[in-house]
Protein backbone atom coordinates (compact mmCIF):
# COMPACT_ATOMS: atom_id res chain seq x y z
CA MET A 1 94.85 -64.75 43.61
CA ASP A 2 98.55 -65.36 43.82
CA ILE A 3 100.65 -62.49 45.81
CA THR A 4 104.29 -62.14 44.74
CA LEU A 5 106.56 -60.10 46.96
CA LEU A 6 108.30 -58.56 43.93
CA GLY A 7 110.80 -56.39 45.89
CA THR A 8 110.94 -56.63 49.99
CA GLY A 9 113.89 -54.05 50.93
CA SER A 10 114.15 -50.65 51.94
CA PRO A 11 115.37 -47.51 51.23
CA ILE A 12 118.68 -49.15 52.38
CA PRO A 13 120.74 -50.43 49.30
CA ASP A 14 120.38 -54.27 49.72
CA PRO A 15 122.42 -56.11 46.85
CA ASN A 16 119.65 -58.82 47.51
CA ARG A 17 116.37 -57.04 47.57
CA ALA A 18 115.00 -54.64 45.52
CA GLY A 19 112.67 -51.39 46.60
CA PRO A 20 109.28 -52.00 48.11
CA SER A 21 106.78 -53.55 45.50
CA THR A 22 104.22 -56.46 45.34
CA LEU A 23 102.27 -58.06 42.25
CA VAL A 24 98.80 -59.54 42.42
CA ARG A 25 97.56 -61.80 40.02
CA ALA A 26 93.77 -62.13 39.85
CA GLY A 27 91.91 -63.70 37.05
CA GLU A 28 92.90 -62.08 34.75
CA GLN A 29 93.95 -59.11 35.79
CA VAL A 30 98.01 -58.49 36.87
CA ILE A 31 98.06 -55.75 39.15
CA LEU A 32 101.61 -53.54 40.47
CA CYS A 33 101.48 -52.19 43.92
CA ASP A 34 104.52 -49.63 44.18
CA ALA A 35 107.78 -49.54 42.09
CA GLY A 36 110.40 -49.40 44.41
CA ARG A 37 114.02 -50.17 42.52
CA GLY A 38 114.81 -53.00 40.74
CA VAL A 39 110.93 -53.46 40.16
CA VAL A 40 110.90 -54.21 36.24
CA MET A 41 113.90 -56.82 37.28
CA ARG A 42 111.89 -58.35 39.47
CA LEU A 43 108.60 -58.55 36.79
CA ALA A 44 110.82 -60.36 34.51
CA GLY A 45 111.31 -62.79 37.14
CA ALA A 46 107.93 -63.18 38.24
CA PHE A 47 107.06 -63.68 34.23
CA ALA A 48 105.14 -60.75 34.27
CA GLY A 49 106.74 -57.40 32.53
CA PRO A 50 105.43 -54.52 32.27
CA ALA A 51 103.71 -54.78 29.03
CA ALA A 52 101.35 -57.11 31.03
CA LEU A 53 100.21 -55.12 33.70
CA SER A 54 96.50 -54.23 34.08
CA ALA A 55 97.08 -51.48 36.14
CA ILE A 56 99.30 -49.53 39.19
CA LEU A 57 98.67 -49.39 42.53
CA VAL A 58 100.68 -46.63 44.52
CA THR A 59 100.16 -46.09 47.99
CA HIS A 60 102.08 -43.01 49.28
CA LEU A 61 104.43 -40.71 47.39
CA HIS A 62 107.90 -41.82 49.43
CA SER A 63 110.59 -42.07 46.90
CA ASP A 64 111.43 -45.64 47.48
CA HIS A 65 108.10 -46.63 46.93
CA LEU A 66 108.24 -44.83 43.22
CA THR A 67 112.12 -44.71 42.26
CA ASP A 68 111.54 -47.27 39.24
CA LEU A 69 108.06 -45.84 38.00
CA ASN A 70 109.81 -44.33 35.29
CA ASP A 71 111.22 -47.75 34.04
CA VAL A 72 107.75 -49.35 34.14
CA ILE A 73 106.44 -46.84 32.03
CA THR A 74 108.92 -46.53 29.52
CA THR A 75 109.66 -50.39 29.39
CA ARG A 76 105.70 -50.92 28.60
CA TRP A 77 105.82 -48.35 26.03
CA ILE A 78 108.28 -49.71 24.37
CA MET A 79 107.87 -53.22 24.72
CA SER A 80 104.30 -52.91 23.42
CA THR A 81 103.50 -53.86 19.72
CA GLU A 82 100.41 -51.53 20.04
CA SER A 83 99.12 -48.32 22.00
CA ALA A 84 99.00 -49.40 25.53
CA PRO A 85 97.81 -47.16 27.67
CA ILE A 86 97.95 -47.59 31.99
CA THR A 87 96.36 -46.36 34.55
CA ILE A 88 98.04 -45.50 37.97
CA TYR A 89 95.98 -44.80 41.24
CA GLY A 90 97.20 -43.31 43.95
CA PRO A 91 96.77 -40.72 46.71
CA VAL A 92 96.52 -37.22 45.94
CA GLY A 93 99.50 -35.54 44.80
CA LEU A 94 100.23 -38.48 42.53
CA ASP A 95 99.58 -36.43 39.36
CA PHE A 96 101.81 -33.85 40.36
CA VAL A 97 104.71 -36.76 40.59
CA VAL A 98 103.55 -38.42 37.36
CA THR A 99 103.29 -35.25 35.70
CA LYS A 100 106.88 -34.38 36.22
CA MET A 101 108.20 -37.96 35.47
CA MET A 102 106.39 -37.69 32.24
CA GLU A 103 108.44 -34.03 31.64
CA MET A 104 111.36 -35.87 32.95
CA LEU A 105 111.18 -38.67 30.16
CA SER A 106 110.35 -36.24 27.60
CA LEU A 107 113.81 -36.10 25.66
CA ASP A 108 113.88 -39.77 25.81
CA VAL A 109 110.16 -40.26 24.28
CA GLY A 110 111.34 -37.35 21.49
CA TYR A 111 114.78 -39.53 20.46
CA ARG A 112 112.84 -42.91 20.63
CA MET A 113 109.80 -41.56 18.19
CA ASP A 114 112.69 -39.79 16.27
CA HIS A 115 114.05 -43.33 15.25
CA HIS A 116 111.52 -45.98 15.62
CA ASP A 117 108.82 -45.97 12.96
CA ASP A 118 106.42 -47.92 14.81
CA LEU A 119 106.42 -45.76 17.58
CA ASN A 120 103.67 -43.23 16.82
CA GLU A 121 102.66 -41.75 20.37
CA PRO A 122 104.43 -40.98 23.44
CA PRO A 123 103.34 -43.41 26.61
CA VAL A 124 99.66 -42.99 27.58
CA VAL A 125 99.32 -42.48 31.40
CA ASN A 126 96.07 -42.05 32.88
CA VAL A 127 96.25 -41.15 36.57
CA VAL A 128 93.75 -41.28 39.17
CA GLU A 129 93.80 -39.70 42.83
CA VAL A 130 91.93 -41.54 45.34
CA ALA A 131 90.66 -40.85 48.65
CA PRO A 132 89.72 -43.13 51.54
CA GLY A 133 86.23 -44.39 51.22
CA ASP A 134 86.88 -44.77 47.08
CA SER A 135 86.03 -47.72 45.14
CA PHE A 136 87.11 -48.58 41.47
CA THR A 137 87.14 -51.68 39.58
CA ILE A 138 90.38 -53.32 37.29
CA GLY A 139 88.59 -55.72 34.98
CA ASN A 140 86.50 -57.88 37.53
CA VAL A 141 88.90 -56.94 40.47
CA ALA A 142 87.04 -54.59 42.91
CA VAL A 143 89.33 -52.17 44.71
CA ARG A 144 88.32 -50.09 47.99
CA VAL A 145 90.75 -47.79 49.39
CA GLY A 146 91.23 -46.91 52.89
CA ALA A 147 93.44 -44.45 55.10
CA THR A 148 96.80 -45.37 56.86
CA ASN A 149 98.79 -43.40 59.41
CA HIS A 150 102.50 -42.72 57.97
CA GLN A 151 102.07 -39.31 59.07
CA PRO A 152 103.74 -37.01 58.55
CA VAL A 153 103.57 -38.55 55.09
CA GLU A 154 100.29 -37.45 54.40
CA PRO A 155 97.79 -38.55 52.72
CA THR A 156 98.68 -41.97 52.44
CA VAL A 157 96.60 -44.94 51.60
CA ALA A 158 96.18 -49.09 51.56
CA PHE A 159 94.44 -51.08 48.86
CA ARG A 160 91.46 -53.98 49.39
CA LEU A 161 91.32 -55.93 46.37
CA GLU A 162 88.28 -58.78 46.05
CA HIS A 163 88.00 -61.31 43.57
CA ASP A 164 85.87 -64.24 43.13
CA GLY A 165 85.38 -64.22 46.91
CA THR A 166 89.08 -63.81 47.94
CA SER A 167 90.47 -60.79 49.41
CA VAL A 168 93.95 -58.91 49.87
CA VAL A 169 94.51 -55.70 51.65
CA LEU A 170 97.84 -54.22 50.55
CA GLY A 171 99.36 -52.14 53.22
CA GLY A 172 102.01 -49.94 52.53
CA ASP A 173 104.05 -48.14 55.33
CA GLY A 174 102.47 -47.09 58.06
CA ILE A 175 101.62 -47.81 61.66
CA PRO A 176 98.58 -49.59 62.90
CA CYS A 177 95.11 -47.51 63.07
CA ALA A 178 91.19 -47.89 63.32
CA ALA A 179 90.90 -47.22 59.32
CA LEU A 180 93.69 -49.97 58.68
CA ASP A 181 91.25 -52.39 61.15
CA GLU A 182 88.34 -51.52 59.26
CA LEU A 183 90.01 -52.30 55.62
CA CYS A 184 91.20 -55.95 56.74
CA ALA A 185 88.11 -56.91 58.21
CA GLY A 186 87.41 -60.58 57.22
CA ALA A 187 90.33 -60.14 54.53
CA THR A 188 91.82 -63.61 53.37
CA ALA A 189 95.28 -61.76 53.60
CA TYR A 190 97.08 -58.89 54.41
CA VAL A 191 100.75 -57.07 53.39
CA GLN A 192 102.32 -55.44 55.67
CA THR A 193 105.67 -53.63 55.79
CA VAL A 194 107.61 -53.74 58.98
CA LEU A 195 110.71 -53.71 61.07
CA ARG A 196 111.99 -54.83 63.87
CA ASP A 197 112.29 -52.33 66.61
CA ASP A 198 114.96 -54.40 68.79
CA ILE A 199 117.56 -54.42 65.86
CA VAL A 200 116.69 -50.66 64.75
CA LYS A 201 117.12 -49.34 68.32
CA LEU A 202 120.76 -50.85 68.48
CA PHE A 203 121.81 -48.10 65.81
CA PRO A 204 122.40 -44.88 67.70
CA LEU A 205 121.89 -42.85 64.35
CA PRO A 206 118.69 -40.53 65.11
CA ARG A 207 117.74 -40.34 61.41
CA PHE A 208 117.42 -44.43 61.79
CA GLN A 209 115.39 -44.11 65.11
CA ASP A 210 112.99 -41.58 63.45
CA ILE A 211 111.59 -44.71 61.49
CA LEU A 212 110.37 -46.24 64.83
CA ASP A 213 107.14 -43.98 65.06
CA TYR A 214 106.04 -44.43 61.72
CA HIS A 215 106.83 -48.18 60.47
CA SER A 216 104.58 -51.23 62.06
CA THR A 217 106.64 -53.87 64.06
CA VAL A 218 106.38 -57.41 63.01
CA GLU A 219 104.55 -57.27 66.35
CA GLN A 220 101.99 -54.78 65.77
CA ALA A 221 101.29 -56.25 61.77
CA ALA A 222 100.54 -59.55 63.75
CA GLN A 223 98.15 -57.88 66.03
CA THR A 224 96.50 -56.09 63.36
CA ALA A 225 96.08 -59.40 61.49
CA THR A 226 94.92 -60.85 64.65
CA LYS A 227 92.18 -57.74 65.14
CA ALA A 228 90.92 -57.90 61.64
CA GLY A 229 90.25 -61.90 61.64
CA VAL A 230 92.93 -62.18 58.36
CA LYS A 231 93.64 -66.07 57.82
CA THR A 232 97.48 -65.19 55.78
CA LEU A 233 99.61 -62.29 57.00
CA ILE A 234 102.32 -61.60 54.82
CA LEU A 235 105.33 -59.20 55.84
CA THR A 236 107.29 -57.27 53.02
CA HIS A 237 110.10 -54.57 53.26
CA TYR A 238 111.89 -55.62 55.90
CA VAL A 239 113.79 -53.34 58.05
CA PRO A 240 116.68 -54.29 58.47
CA GLY A 241 116.65 -56.75 55.63
CA ILE A 242 116.32 -60.40 56.62
CA GLY A 243 119.77 -62.21 57.07
CA PRO A 244 120.52 -65.97 55.60
CA GLY A 245 118.68 -68.22 57.92
CA GLN A 246 116.88 -65.67 59.95
CA GLU A 247 113.41 -66.34 58.70
CA ASP A 248 112.30 -68.76 61.48
CA GLU A 249 113.33 -66.02 63.84
CA TRP A 250 110.89 -63.43 62.26
CA ARG A 251 108.59 -65.48 61.84
CA ALA A 252 108.09 -66.61 65.17
CA ILE A 253 107.69 -63.11 66.38
CA ALA A 254 104.89 -62.47 64.36
CA ALA A 255 103.39 -66.68 65.64
CA ALA A 256 103.29 -65.16 68.99
CA HIS A 257 100.62 -62.36 68.02
CA PHE A 258 98.97 -64.11 65.15
CA SER A 259 97.93 -68.20 64.78
CA GLY A 260 97.25 -67.98 61.04
CA ASP A 261 99.81 -68.79 58.07
CA ILE A 262 102.72 -66.27 57.85
CA VAL A 263 104.57 -65.50 54.60
CA LEU A 264 107.89 -63.87 54.29
CA GLY A 265 111.32 -64.72 52.63
CA ASP A 266 113.50 -63.15 49.87
CA ASP A 267 112.32 -61.30 46.52
CA LEU A 268 109.68 -63.14 44.35
CA THR A 269 108.30 -65.38 47.70
CA SER A 270 104.83 -65.82 46.21
CA VAL A 271 101.30 -67.50 47.68
CA THR A 272 98.11 -68.32 46.24
CA ILE A 273 95.10 -67.26 48.38
C-alpha cells in the first residue's frame, strides 16, 4: 500500500496546505478519503487524477472535508472518455449532501452536455451510506467501518482498508475512543488528524479554544497507536500548520508516546507500508 497525504491543512487557509484528504493505492485500487479544498490539484501532484479513482470515502460531513468533492465529480466526468460512475461511501447524511451538490452542479452539467457532443449523460454518482460494523470491498481491498468520537458531529466514521496482508486505518477527526482502538488493533498504519493543544491554548479566541475537545492531540494519537499495536503512525490535518523546520518538534512529541515509525510533513508526503 502507498499512502499519500494529499492535503494536510485545516479550515484555517494556508497557501502551502490543501484541505484534508488522503490517497491510498492498494494493488490496482486508487482510493480517496475526504476531499478538502484543493484536492484535485493535489491529486494531479500525486499523478492520480479524479478519473483514476476507484472509490471515495468520507469520514464525516464537516465542510472542510467536503469542500472540493464537487470538483472531483466534475473533473472526473469531463476528463473521462466514457461513462465513469463513482461510488462514495460515508456516514448517514451523505446522500442528502451529495444530492444537493448534484443539484448545485445541474446548470453546469446542462451547459456542458449542450456544448459537447460526446457528453451524453450527466455524472453518475452512487452514494452508499455506511455505519459502524459495516464492511464492503473495493476491488480486492476489504474495507471495515468503525465509529469515531467527534461529537457533536454525528455520525462520524473511520475506515480500515486491508490488502494483501497490509492494513491502514483512516481515522478522520475525533478524540480517542474504544471503537477506534478496536478498529486500529494490529493495523500496519494509522492516519490521524491532530492538533497541538499547547499552541492552540495560546490563542484566547473562544471559537479556536472550542476545537480542543473534539480533535486528537499529537500525544493522544500516539497513545492510540501504541495501545493498538500499530506499526506506523501517520499524522495529518495539522492545527496549527507545521511551520518550516518544526517537523522534528512535532515528531518528538509523538515519539514520547509511540516507538514505531512516525510520518508527517508537507502535502504529498507519501509512505509505502
